[in-house]
């Protein structure tokens, strides 16, 4: 089981965040996150948002440190990338 994490460089809600991803399956990712105690609500489309204070915990548990571009490349290569859907225009 290999999951990957990028540095906590993404701001939001007064914190910095990392992305935790798998290059194999969402099942693998969910199992790793559950073992780490990360709630399912932290899952967003194709990754888990991990607050900076949990980054070291994820690495100690076996997450491989990679850059943010590598996270996206890994998701694309595995066919696991899910982009945000565009908002549909409102009709009058």
Protein backbone atom coordinates (compact mmCIF):
# COMPACT_ATOMS: atom_id res chain seq x y z
CA UNK A 1 0.00 0.00 0.00
CA UNK A 2 1.46 3.34 -1.06
CA UNK A 3 -0.22 6.66 -0.55
CA UNK A 4 1.30 10.06 -1.20
CA UNK A 5 1.12 13.44 0.51
CA UNK A 6 2.18 16.88 -0.65
CA UNK A 7 3.52 19.61 1.67
CA UNK A 8 0.98 21.64 3.66
CA UNK A 9 0.99 24.69 1.39
CA UNK A 10 -2.73 25.06 0.65
CA UNK A 11 -4.50 27.70 2.79
CA UNK A 12 -8.08 27.33 3.97
CA UNK A 13 -10.16 27.94 7.07
CA UNK A 14 -7.22 29.58 8.89
CA UNK A 15 -4.93 26.56 8.38
CA UNK A 16 -2.52 25.10 5.88
CA UNK A 17 -3.43 21.81 4.21
CA UNK A 18 -1.87 18.86 2.40
CA UNK A 19 -3.45 16.44 -0.05
CA UNK A 20 -3.34 12.70 0.60
CA UNK A 21 -3.79 10.51 -2.49
CA UNK A 22 -3.42 6.95 -3.75
CA UNK A 23 -2.11 5.90 -7.14
CA UNK A 24 -3.95 2.58 -6.96
CA UNK A 25 -7.54 3.01 -5.72
CA UNK A 26 -9.89 5.03 -3.57
CA UNK A 27 -10.31 1.93 -1.41
CA UNK A 28 -6.59 1.99 -0.58
CA UNK A 29 -6.81 5.69 0.20
CA UNK A 30 -9.87 5.28 2.45
CA UNK A 31 -8.23 2.41 4.36
CA UNK A 32 -5.07 4.43 4.98
CA UNK A 33 -7.03 7.50 6.06
CA UNK A 34 -9.23 5.44 8.40
CA UNK A 35 -6.16 3.84 10.01
CA UNK A 36 -4.77 7.34 10.53
CA UNK A 37 -8.05 8.46 12.11
CA UNK A 38 -8.93 10.92 9.34
CA UNK A 39 -12.70 11.41 9.08
CA UNK A 40 -14.45 10.63 5.78
CA UNK A 41 -15.68 14.23 5.67
CA UNK A 42 -12.05 15.22 4.85
CA UNK A 43 -12.35 13.36 1.50
CA UNK A 44 -12.88 15.67 -1.45
CA UNK A 45 -13.43 14.10 -4.91
CA UNK A 46 -10.07 12.31 -5.22
CA UNK A 47 -8.03 13.18 -2.13
CA UNK A 48 -8.13 13.78 1.59
CA UNK A 49 -7.40 17.23 2.95
CA UNK A 50 -4.92 16.83 5.80
CA UNK A 51 -4.22 19.77 8.16
CA UNK A 52 -0.57 20.71 8.62
CA UNK A 53 -0.48 19.47 12.22
CA UNK A 54 -1.28 15.92 10.93
CA UNK A 55 1.31 15.93 8.11
CA UNK A 56 4.02 14.24 10.19
CA UNK A 57 1.53 11.63 11.41
CA UNK A 58 0.71 10.71 7.80
CA UNK A 59 4.39 10.42 6.87
CA UNK A 60 5.14 8.30 9.94
CA UNK A 61 2.25 6.03 8.96
CA UNK A 62 3.84 5.48 5.55
CA UNK A 63 2.67 8.26 3.24
CA UNK A 64 5.37 9.14 0.73
CA UNK A 65 6.25 12.83 0.53
CA UNK A 66 5.94 14.28 -2.98
CA UNK A 67 5.41 17.72 -4.51
CA UNK A 68 1.99 19.07 -5.38
CA UNK A 69 2.52 18.59 -9.11
CA UNK A 70 3.47 14.97 -8.49
CA UNK A 71 0.17 14.43 -6.62
CA UNK A 72 -1.76 15.57 -9.69
CA UNK A 73 0.44 13.51 -12.03
CA UNK A 74 -0.07 10.38 -9.91
CA UNK A 75 -3.85 10.84 -9.89
CA UNK A 76 -3.97 11.34 -13.67
CA UNK A 77 -1.70 8.35 -14.37
CA UNK A 78 -3.88 6.10 -12.19
CA UNK A 79 -7.12 7.38 -13.75
CA UNK A 80 -8.28 8.60 -10.34
CA UNK A 81 -8.34 12.36 -10.95
CA UNK A 82 -11.78 13.89 -10.44
CA UNK A 83 -11.97 17.54 -11.35
CA UNK A 84 -14.42 19.96 -9.78
CA UNK A 85 -17.56 20.16 -11.82
CA UNK A 86 -18.33 23.54 -13.27
CA UNK A 87 -21.35 25.32 -11.89
CA UNK A 88 -24.26 25.17 -14.26
CA UNK A 89 -25.59 28.56 -15.33
CA UNK A 90 -28.92 29.45 -13.79
CA UNK A 91 -31.82 29.81 -16.14
CA UNK A 92 -34.13 32.81 -15.69
